Amino acid sequence: CAAIVSGLVGPDAPDKERWETLWHYMQGGPGVFK
């Protein structure tokens, strides 16, 4: 889930905020994003 949305983050986003945004996706329940 995080991999699929990772390209949607702007290229100049600070690393801290970029990876916190992706961490939220890594924590999603099974099948919830789908």
Full PDB file with SEQRES, HELIX, SHEET, SSBOND, CRYST1, ORIGX, SCALE, CONECT and MASTER records, all heavy atoms in Angstrom:
SEQRES   1 A   34  CYS ALA ALA ILE VAL SER GLY LEU VAL GLY PRO ASP ALA          
SEQRES   2 A   34  PRO ASP LYS GLU ARG TRP GLU THR LEU TRP HIS TYR MET          
SEQRES   3 A   34  GLN GLY GLY PRO GLY VAL PHE LYS                              
HELIX    1 AA1 ALA A    2  SER A    6  1                                   5    
HELIX    2 AA2 ASP A   15  MET A   26  1                                  12    
CRYST1    1.000    1.000    1.000  90.00  90.00  90.00 P 1           1          
ORIGX1      1.000000  0.000000  0.000000        0.00000                         
ORIGX2      0.000000  1.000000  0.000000        0.00000                         
ORIGX3      0.000000  0.000000  1.000000        0.00000                         
SCALE1      1.000000  0.000000  0.000000        0.00000                         
SCALE2      0.000000  1.000000  0.000000        0.00000                         
SCALE3      0.000000  0.000000  1.000000        0.00000                         
ATOM      1  N   CYS A   1       0.835  -1.206   0.000  1.00  0.00           N  
ATOM      2  CA  CYS A   1       0.000   0.000   0.000  1.00  0.00           C  
ATOM      3  C   CYS A   1       0.867   1.252   0.000  1.00  0.00           C  
ATOM      4  O   CYS A   1       0.624   2.200  -0.761  1.00  0.00           O  
ATOM      5  CB  CYS A   1      -0.926   0.008   1.216  1.00  0.00           C  
ATOM      6  SG  CYS A   1      -2.273  -1.194   1.149  1.00  0.00           S  
ATOM      7  N   ALA A   2       1.898   1.258   0.846  1.00  0.00           N  
ATOM      8  CA  ALA A   2       2.799   2.408   0.884  1.00  0.00           C  
ATOM      9  C   ALA A   2       3.559   2.559  -0.419  1.00  0.00           C  
ATOM     10  O   ALA A   2       3.782   3.671  -0.906  1.00  0.00           O  
ATOM     11  CB  ALA A   2       3.773   2.264   2.052  1.00  0.00           C  
ATOM     12  N   ALA A   3       3.960   1.426  -1.014  1.00  0.00           N  
ATOM     13  CA  ALA A   3       4.702   1.485  -2.274  1.00  0.00           C  
ATOM     14  C   ALA A   3       3.856   2.097  -3.387  1.00  0.00           C  
ATOM     15  O   ALA A   3       4.340   2.906  -4.182  1.00  0.00           O  
ATOM     16  CB  ALA A   3       5.161   0.084  -2.671  1.00  0.00           C  
ATOM     17  N   ILE A   4       2.580   1.715  -3.424  1.00  0.00           N  
ATOM     18  CA  ILE A   4       1.707   2.215  -4.491  1.00  0.00           C  
ATOM     19  C   ILE A   4       1.503   3.717  -4.382  1.00  0.00           C  
ATOM     20  O   ILE A   4       1.458   4.421  -5.399  1.00  0.00           O  
ATOM     21  CB  ILE A   4       0.355   1.452  -4.465  1.00  0.00           C  
ATOM     22  CG1 ILE A   4       0.567   0.067  -5.086  1.00  0.00           C  
ATOM     23  CG2 ILE A   4      -0.735   2.208  -5.200  1.00  0.00           C  
ATOM     24  CD1 ILE A   4      -0.625  -0.833  -5.016  1.00  0.00           C  
ATOM     25  N   VAL A   5       1.384   4.250  -3.160  1.00  0.00           N  
ATOM     26  CA  VAL A   5       1.134   5.689  -3.031  1.00  0.00           C  
ATOM     27  C   VAL A   5       2.421   6.506  -2.950  1.00  0.00           C  
ATOM     28  O   VAL A   5       2.366   7.738  -2.991  1.00  0.00           O  
ATOM     29  CB  VAL A   5       0.260   5.991  -1.794  1.00  0.00           C  
ATOM     30  CG1 VAL A   5      -1.052   5.231  -1.867  1.00  0.00           C  
ATOM     31  CG2 VAL A   5       0.986   5.698  -0.489  1.00  0.00           C  
ATOM     32  N   SER A   6       3.565   5.858  -2.836  1.00  0.00           N  
ATOM     33  CA  SER A   6       4.814   6.599  -2.627  1.00  0.00           C  
ATOM     34  C   SER A   6       5.102   7.578  -3.757  1.00  0.00           C  
ATOM     35  O   SER A   6       5.622   8.667  -3.518  1.00  0.00           O  
ATOM     36  CB  SER A   6       5.984   5.631  -2.450  1.00  0.00           C  
ATOM     37  OG  SER A   6       6.175   4.840  -3.619  1.00  0.00           O  
ATOM     38  N   GLY A   7       4.758   7.212  -4.971  1.00  0.00           N  
ATOM     39  CA  GLY A   7       4.993   8.105  -6.097  1.00  0.00           C  
ATOM     40  C   GLY A   7       4.073   9.302  -6.132  1.00  0.00           C  
ATOM     41  O   GLY A   7       4.313  10.253  -6.899  1.00  0.00           O  
ATOM     42  N   LEU A   8       3.019   9.277  -5.327  1.00  0.00           N  
ATOM     43  CA  LEU A   8       2.074  10.387  -5.291  1.00  0.00           C  
ATOM     44  C   LEU A   8       2.536  11.518  -4.379  1.00  0.00           C  
ATOM     45  O   LEU A   8       1.958  12.601  -4.384  1.00  0.00           O  
ATOM     46  CB  LEU A   8       0.698   9.893  -4.827  1.00  0.00           C  
ATOM     47  CG  LEU A   8      -0.011   8.916  -5.759  1.00  0.00           C  
ATOM     48  CD1 LEU A   8      -1.242   8.331  -5.079  1.00  0.00           C  
ATOM     49  CD2 LEU A   8      -0.408   9.610  -7.053  1.00  0.00           C  
ATOM     50  N   VAL A   9       3.561  11.267  -3.572  1.00  0.00           N  
ATOM     51  CA  VAL A   9       4.116  12.310  -2.714  1.00  0.00           C  
ATOM     52  C   VAL A   9       4.973  13.236  -3.584  1.00  0.00           C  
ATOM     53  O   VAL A   9       5.728  12.781  -4.442  1.00  0.00           O  
ATOM     54  CB  VAL A   9       4.967  11.702  -1.590  1.00  0.00           C  
ATOM     55  CG1 VAL A   9       5.571  12.792  -0.713  1.00  0.00           C  
ATOM     56  CG2 VAL A   9       4.128  10.749  -0.745  1.00  0.00           C  
ATOM     57  N   GLY A  10       4.852  14.526  -3.368  1.00  0.00           N  
ATOM     58  CA  GLY A  10       5.634  15.486  -4.158  1.00  0.00           C  
ATOM     59  C   GLY A  10       7.130  15.239  -4.035  1.00  0.00           C  
ATOM     60  O   GLY A  10       7.614  14.844  -2.968  1.00  0.00           O  
ATOM     61  N   PRO A  11       7.903  15.471  -5.100  1.00  0.00           N  
ATOM     62  CA  PRO A  11       9.331  15.151  -5.096  1.00  0.00           C  
ATOM     63  C   PRO A  11      10.153  15.983  -4.127  1.00  0.00           C  
ATOM     64  O   PRO A  11      11.245  15.564  -3.728  1.00  0.00           O  
ATOM     65  CB  PRO A  11       9.764  15.430  -6.549  1.00  0.00           C  
ATOM     66  CG  PRO A  11       8.755  16.411  -7.067  1.00  0.00           C  
ATOM     67  CD  PRO A  11       7.465  16.041  -6.400  1.00  0.00           C  
ATOM     68  N   ASP A  12       9.655  17.138  -3.718  1.00  0.00           N  
ATOM     69  CA  ASP A  12      10.412  18.006  -2.813  1.00  0.00           C  
ATOM     70  C   ASP A  12       9.953  17.896  -1.364  1.00  0.00           C  
ATOM     71  O   ASP A  12      10.399  18.669  -0.511  1.00  0.00           O  
ATOM     72  CB  ASP A  12      10.293  19.466  -3.276  1.00  0.00           C  
ATOM     73  CG  ASP A  12      10.864  19.665  -4.673  1.00  0.00           C  
ATOM     74  OD1 ASP A  12      11.871  19.012  -4.997  1.00  0.00           O  
ATOM     75  OD2 ASP A  12      10.302  20.475  -5.437  1.00  0.00           O  
ATOM     76  N   ALA A  13       9.070  16.949  -1.069  1.00  0.00           N  
ATOM     77  CA  ALA A  13       8.589  16.798   0.305  1.00  0.00           C  
ATOM     78  C   ALA A  13       9.751  16.465   1.240  1.00  0.00           C  
ATOM     79  O   ALA A  13      10.604  15.641   0.893  1.00  0.00           O  
ATOM     80  CB  ALA A  13       7.525  15.708   0.373  1.00  0.00           C  
ATOM     81  N   PRO A  14       9.791  17.068   2.420  1.00  0.00           N  
ATOM     82  CA  PRO A  14      10.848  16.724   3.386  1.00  0.00           C  
ATOM     83  C   PRO A  14      10.798  15.240   3.731  1.00  0.00           C  
ATOM     84  O   PRO A  14       9.714  14.658   3.840  1.00  0.00           O  
ATOM     85  CB  PRO A  14      10.502  17.590   4.604  1.00  0.00           C  
ATOM     86  CG  PRO A  14       9.643  18.701   4.070  1.00  0.00           C  
ATOM     87  CD  PRO A  14       8.880  18.107   2.928  1.00  0.00           C  
ATOM     88  N   ASP A  15      11.959  14.626   3.917  1.00  0.00           N  
ATOM     89  CA  ASP A  15      12.021  13.190   4.201  1.00  0.00           C  
ATOM     90  C   ASP A  15      11.184  12.804   5.422  1.00  0.00           C  
ATOM     91  O   ASP A  15      10.505  11.774   5.424  1.00  0.00           O  
ATOM     92  CB  ASP A  15      13.471  12.760   4.422  1.00  0.00           C  
ATOM     93  CG  ASP A  15      14.074  12.152   3.155  1.00  0.00           C  
ATOM     94  OD1 ASP A  15      13.403  12.197   2.106  1.00  0.00           O  
ATOM     95  OD2 ASP A  15      15.204  11.645   3.236  1.00  0.00           O  
ATOM     96  N   LYS A  16      11.244  13.615   6.470  1.00  0.00           N  
ATOM     97  CA  LYS A  16      10.519  13.287   7.701  1.00  0.00           C  
ATOM     98  C   LYS A  16       9.027  13.149   7.423  1.00  0.00           C  
ATOM     99  O   LYS A  16       8.394  12.168   7.816  1.00  0.00           O  
ATOM    100  CB  LYS A  16      10.772  14.364   8.746  1.00  0.00           C  
ATOM    101  CG  LYS A  16       9.988  14.167  10.047  1.00  0.00           C  
ATOM    102  CD  LYS A  16      10.299  15.285  11.028  1.00  0.00           C  
ATOM    103  CE  LYS A  16       9.498  15.127  12.321  1.00  0.00           C  
ATOM    104  NZ  LYS A  16       8.049  15.320  12.096  1.00  0.00           N  
ATOM    105  N   GLU A  17       8.457  14.136   6.756  1.00  0.00           N  
ATOM    106  CA  GLU A  17       7.021  14.119   6.492  1.00  0.00           C  
ATOM    107  C   GLU A  17       6.653  13.087   5.432  1.00  0.00           C  
ATOM    108  O   GLU A  17       5.588  12.456   5.498  1.00  0.00           O  
ATOM    109  CB  GLU A  17       6.552  15.510   6.062  1.00  0.00           C  
ATOM    110  CG  GLU A  17       6.347  16.482   7.216  1.00  0.00           C  
ATOM    111  CD  GLU A  17       7.647  16.991   7.818  1.00  0.00           C  
ATOM    112  OE1 GLU A  17       8.697  16.896   7.149  1.00  0.00           O  
ATOM    113  OE2 GLU A  17       7.611  17.489   8.969  1.00  0.00           O  
ATOM    114  N   ARG A  18       7.529  12.890   4.439  1.00  0.00           N  
ATOM    115  CA  ARG A  18       7.270  11.880   3.419  1.00  0.00           C  
ATOM    116  C   ARG A  18       7.120  10.499   4.058  1.00  0.00           C  
ATOM    117  O   ARG A  18       6.167   9.775   3.806  1.00  0.00           O  
ATOM    118  CB  ARG A  18       8.415  11.851   2.403  1.00  0.00           C  
ATOM    119  CG  ARG A  18       8.307  10.719   1.364  1.00  0.00           C  
ATOM    120  CD  ARG A  18       9.594  10.575   0.579  1.00  0.00           C  
ATOM    121  NE  ARG A  18       9.930  11.801  -0.107  1.00  0.00           N  
ATOM    122  CZ  ARG A  18       9.448  12.152  -1.292  1.00  0.00           C  
ATOM    123  NH1 ARG A  18       8.605  11.353  -1.931  1.00  0.00           N  
ATOM    124  NH2 ARG A  18       9.806  13.291  -1.862  1.00  0.00           N  
ATOM    125  N   TRP A  19       8.075  10.155   4.920  1.00  0.00           N  
ATOM    126  CA  TRP A  19       8.067   8.811   5.483  1.00  0.00           C  
ATOM    127  C   TRP A  19       7.016   8.644   6.572  1.00  0.00           C  
ATOM    128  O   TRP A  19       6.507   7.536   6.778  1.00  0.00           O  
ATOM    129  CB  TRP A  19       9.459   8.444   5.982  1.00  0.00           C  
ATOM    130  CG  TRP A  19      10.356   8.107   4.826  1.00  0.00           C  
ATOM    131  CD1 TRP A  19      11.309   8.886   4.264  1.00  0.00           C  
ATOM    132  CD2 TRP A  19      10.310   6.905   4.058  1.00  0.00           C  
ATOM    133  NE1 TRP A  19      11.883   8.250   3.187  1.00  0.00           N  
ATOM    134  CE2 TRP A  19      11.293   7.022   3.033  1.00  0.00           C  
ATOM    135  CE3 TRP A  19       9.558   5.731   4.125  1.00  0.00           C  
ATOM    136  CZ2 TRP A  19      11.531   6.018   2.100  1.00  0.00           C  
ATOM    137  CZ3 TRP A  19       9.806   4.731   3.191  1.00  0.00           C  
ATOM    138  CH2 TRP A  19      10.771   4.882   2.198  1.00  0.00           C  
ATOM    139  N   GLU A  20       6.652   9.706   7.237  1.00  0.00           N  
ATOM    140  CA  GLU A  20       5.540   9.594   8.190  1.00  0.00           C  
ATOM    141  C   GLU A  20       4.231   9.346   7.433  1.00  0.00           C  
ATOM    142  O   GLU A  20       3.396   8.547   7.867  1.00  0.00           O  
ATOM    143  CB  GLU A  20       5.416  10.856   9.043  1.00  0.00           C  
ATOM    144  CG  GLU A  20       4.315  10.731  10.083  1.00  0.00           C  
ATOM    145  CD  GLU A  20       4.288  11.873  11.082  1.00  0.00           C  
ATOM    146  OE1 GLU A  20       5.288  12.629  11.171  1.00  0.00           O  
ATOM    147  OE2 GLU A  20       3.269  12.009  11.785  1.00  0.00           O  
ATOM    148  N   THR A  21       4.055  10.021   6.308  1.00  0.00           N  
ATOM    149  CA  THR A  21       2.861   9.807   5.473  1.00  0.00           C  
ATOM    150  C   THR A  21       2.790   8.358   5.013  1.00  0.00           C  
ATOM    151  O   THR A  21       1.728   7.722   5.064  1.00  0.00           O  
ATOM    152  CB  THR A  21       2.887  10.749   4.256  1.00  0.00           C  
ATOM    153  OG1 THR A  21       2.844  12.118   4.714  1.00  0.00           O  
ATOM    154  CG2 THR A  21       1.705  10.493   3.337  1.00  0.00           C  
ATOM    155  N   LEU A  22       3.917   7.802   4.574  1.00  0.00           N  
ATOM    156  CA  LEU A  22       3.931   6.414   4.106  1.00  0.00           C  
ATOM    157  C   LEU A  22       3.760   5.432   5.259  1.00  0.00           C  
ATOM    158  O   LEU A  22       3.159   4.363   5.076  1.00  0.00           O  
ATOM    159  CB  LEU A  22       5.242   6.128   3.352  1.00  0.00           C  
ATOM    160  CG  LEU A  22       5.439   6.944   2.069  1.00  0.00           C  
ATOM    161  CD1 LEU A  22       6.771   6.584   1.409  1.00  0.00           C  
ATOM    162  CD2 LEU A  22       4.295   6.726   1.096  1.00  0.00           C  
ATOM    163  N   TRP A  23       4.250   5.786   6.450  1.00  0.00           N  
ATOM    164  CA  TRP A  23       4.085   4.913   7.616  1.00  0.00           C  
ATOM    165  C   TRP A  23       2.609   4.694   7.933  1.00  0.00           C  
ATOM    166  O   TRP A  23       2.190   3.603   8.298  1.00  0.00           O  
ATOM    167  CB  TRP A  23       4.808   5.512   8.817  1.00  0.00           C  
ATOM    168  CG  TRP A  23       4.708   4.701  10.070  1.00  0.00           C  
ATOM    169  CD1 TRP A  23       3.996   5.001  11.193  1.00  0.00           C  
ATOM    170  CD2 TRP A  23       5.343   3.441  10.329  1.00  0.00           C  
ATOM    171  NE1 TRP A  23       4.144   4.022  12.143  1.00  0.00           N  
ATOM    172  CE2 TRP A  23       4.972   3.044  11.638  1.00  0.00           C  
ATOM    173  CE3 TRP A  23       6.188   2.618   9.598  1.00  0.00           C  
ATOM    174  CZ2 TRP A  23       5.414   1.859  12.214  1.00  0.00           C  
ATOM    175  CZ3 TRP A  23       6.631   1.424  10.175  1.00  0.00           C  
ATOM    176  CH2 TRP A  23       6.243   1.066  11.466  1.00  0.00           C  
ATOM    177  N   HIS A  24       1.806   5.727   7.773  1.00  0.00           N  
ATOM    178  CA  HIS A  24       0.370   5.584   8.010  1.00  0.00           C  
ATOM    179  C   HIS A  24      -0.215   4.493   7.100  1.00  0.00           C  
ATOM    180  O   HIS A  24      -1.077   3.712   7.520  1.00  0.00           O  
ATOM    181  CB  HIS A  24      -0.351   6.905   7.743  1.00  0.00           C  
ATOM    182  CG  HIS A  24       0.119   8.034   8.609  1.00  0.00           C  
ATOM    183  ND1 HIS A  24      -0.106   9.359   8.284  1.00  0.00           N  
ATOM    184  CD2 HIS A  24       0.814   8.040   9.780  1.00  0.00           C  
ATOM    185  CE1 HIS A  24       0.418  10.126   9.230  1.00  0.00           C  
ATOM    186  NE2 HIS A  24       0.990   9.359  10.136  1.00  0.00           N  
ATOM    187  N   TYR A  25       0.272   4.432   5.882  1.00  0.00           N  
ATOM    188  CA  TYR A  25      -0.226   3.423   4.948  1.00  0.00           C  
ATOM    189  C   TYR A  25       0.282   2.028   5.303  1.00  0.00           C  
ATOM    190  O   TYR A  25      -0.410   1.032   5.128  1.00  0.00           O  
ATOM    191  CB  TYR A  25       0.158   3.795   3.511  1.00  0.00           C  
ATOM    192  CG  TYR A  25      -0.868   4.710   2.894  1.00  0.00           C  
ATOM    193  CD1 TYR A  25      -0.799   6.077   3.075  1.00  0.00           C  
ATOM    194  CD2 TYR A  25      -1.946   4.199   2.183  1.00  0.00           C  
ATOM    195  CE1 TYR A  25      -1.766   6.918   2.561  1.00  0.00           C  
ATOM    196  CE2 TYR A  25      -2.913   5.026   1.656  1.00  0.00           C  
ATOM    197  CZ  TYR A  25      -2.818   6.385   1.852  1.00  0.00           C  
ATOM    198  OH  TYR A  25      -3.790   7.202   1.348  1.00  0.00           O  
ATOM    199  N   MET A  26       1.488   1.964   5.810  1.00  0.00           N  
ATOM    200  CA  MET A  26       2.035   0.666   6.203  1.00  0.00           C  
ATOM    201  C   MET A  26       1.272   0.053   7.366  1.00  0.00           C  
ATOM    202  O   MET A  26       1.322  -1.152   7.582  1.00  0.00           O  
ATOM    203  CB  MET A  26       3.518   0.828   6.582  1.00  0.00           C  
ATOM    204  CG  MET A  26       4.412   1.223   5.432  1.00  0.00           C  
ATOM    205  SD  MET A  26       6.137   1.390   5.984  1.00  0.00           S  
ATOM    206  CE  MET A  26       6.874   2.221   4.579  1.00  0.00           C  
ATOM    207  N   GLN A  27       0.550   0.859   8.118  1.00  0.00           N  
ATOM    208  CA  GLN A  27      -0.159   0.386   9.304  1.00  0.00           C  
ATOM    209  C   GLN A  27      -1.621   0.042   9.040  1.00  0.00           C  
ATOM    210  O   GLN A  27      -2.334  -0.342   9.954  1.00  0.00           O  
ATOM    211  CB  GLN A  27      -0.094   1.449  10.403  1.00  0.00           C  
ATOM    212  CG  GLN A  27       1.301   1.659  10.964  1.00  0.00           C  
ATOM    213  CD  GLN A  27       1.293   2.638  12.122  1.00  0.00           C  
ATOM    214  OE1 GLN A  27       0.702   3.703  12.042  1.00  0.00           O  
ATOM    215  NE2 GLN A  27       1.937   2.274  13.213  1.00  0.00           N  
ATOM    216  N   GLY A  28      -2.093   0.193   7.833  1.00  0.00           N  
ATOM    217  CA  GLY A  28      -3.496  -0.062   7.535  1.00  0.00           C  
ATOM    218  C   GLY A  28      -3.886  -1.524   7.714  1.00  0.00           C  
ATOM    219  O   GLY A  28      -3.073  -2.441   7.553  1.00  0.00           O  
ATOM    220  N   GLY A  29      -5.155  -1.755   8.078  1.00  0.00           N  
ATOM    221  CA  GLY A  29      -5.654  -3.109   8.257  1.00  0.00           C  
ATOM    222  C   GLY A  29      -5.773  -3.851   6.934  1.00  0.00           C  
ATOM    223  O   GLY A  29      -5.862  -3.243   5.862  1.00  0.00           O  
ATOM    224  N   PRO A  30      -5.789  -5.189   6.962  1.00  0.00           N  
ATOM    225  CA  PRO A  30      -5.877  -5.985   5.739  1.00  0.00           C  
ATOM    226  C   PRO A  30      -7.131  -5.648   4.922  1.00  0.00           C  
ATOM    227  O   PRO A  30      -8.241  -5.678   5.448  1.00  0.00           O  
ATOM    228  CB  PRO A  30      -5.943  -7.431   6.260  1.00  0.00           C  
ATOM    229  CG  PRO A  30      -5.359  -7.376   7.635  1.00  0.00           C  
ATOM    230  CD  PRO A  30      -5.711  -6.032   8.175  1.00  0.00           C  
ATOM    231  N   GLY A  31      -6.918  -5.295   3.673  1.00  0.00           N  
ATOM    232  CA  GLY A  31      -8.024  -5.057   2.761  1.00  0.00           C  
ATOM    233  C   GLY A  31      -8.711  -3.714   2.906  1.00  0.00           C  
ATOM    234  O   GLY A  31      -9.648  -3.416   2.155  1.00  0.00           O  
ATOM    235  N   VAL A  32      -8.262  -2.864   3.847  1.00  0.00           N  
ATOM    236  CA  VAL A  32      -8.953  -1.595   4.091  1.00  0.00           C  
ATOM    237  C   VAL A  32      -8.700  -0.601   2.956  1.00  0.00           C  
ATOM    238  O   VAL A  32      -9.632   0.053   2.462  1.00  0.00           O  
ATOM    239  CB  VAL A  32      -8.541  -1.000   5.452  1.00  0.00           C  
ATOM    240  CG1 VAL A  32      -9.121   0.404   5.627  1.00  0.00           C  
ATOM    241  CG2 VAL A  32      -9.014  -1.906   6.571  1.00  0.00           C  
ATOM    242  N   PHE A  33      -7.455  -0.458   2.533  1.00  0.00           N  
ATOM    243  CA  PHE A  33      -7.154   0.441   1.417  1.00  0.00           C  
ATOM    244  C   PHE A  33      -7.915   0.000   0.162  1.00  0.00           C  
ATOM    245  O   PHE A  33      -8.526   0.813  -0.538  1.00  0.00           O  
ATOM    246  CB  PHE A  33      -5.643   0.447   1.172  1.00  0.00           C  
ATOM    247  CG  PHE A  33      -5.173   1.466   0.160  1.00  0.00           C  
ATOM    248  CD1 PHE A  33      -5.839   2.647  -0.041  1.00  0.00           C  
ATOM    249  CD2 PHE A  33      -4.025   1.221  -0.587  1.00  0.00           C  
ATOM    250  CE1 PHE A  33      -5.389   3.585  -0.975  1.00  0.00           C  
ATOM    251  CE2 PHE A  33      -3.565   2.138  -1.510  1.00  0.00           C  
ATOM    252  CZ  PHE A  33      -4.249   3.323  -1.705  1.00  0.00           C  
ATOM    253  N   LYS A  34      -7.928  -1.283  -0.096  1.00  0.00           N  
ATOM    254  CA  LYS A  34      -8.658  -1.807  -1.250  1.00  0.00           C  
ATOM    255  C   LYS A  34     -10.150  -1.492  -1.126  1.00  0.00           C  
ATOM    256  O   LYS A  34     -10.803  -1.092  -2.104  1.00  0.00           O  
ATOM    257  CB  LYS A  34      -8.451  -3.316  -1.360  1.00  0.00           C  
ATOM    258  CG  LYS A  34      -9.178  -3.945  -2.535  1.00  0.00           C  
ATOM    259  CD  LYS A  34      -8.996  -5.458  -2.549  1.00  0.00           C  
ATOM    260  CE  LYS A  34      -9.764  -6.100  -3.706  1.00  0.00           C  
ATOM    261  NZ  LYS A  34      -9.654  -7.573  -3.676  1.00  0.00           N  
TER     262      LYS A  34                                                      
MASTER        0    0    0    2    0    0    0    6  261    1    0    3          
END                                                                             
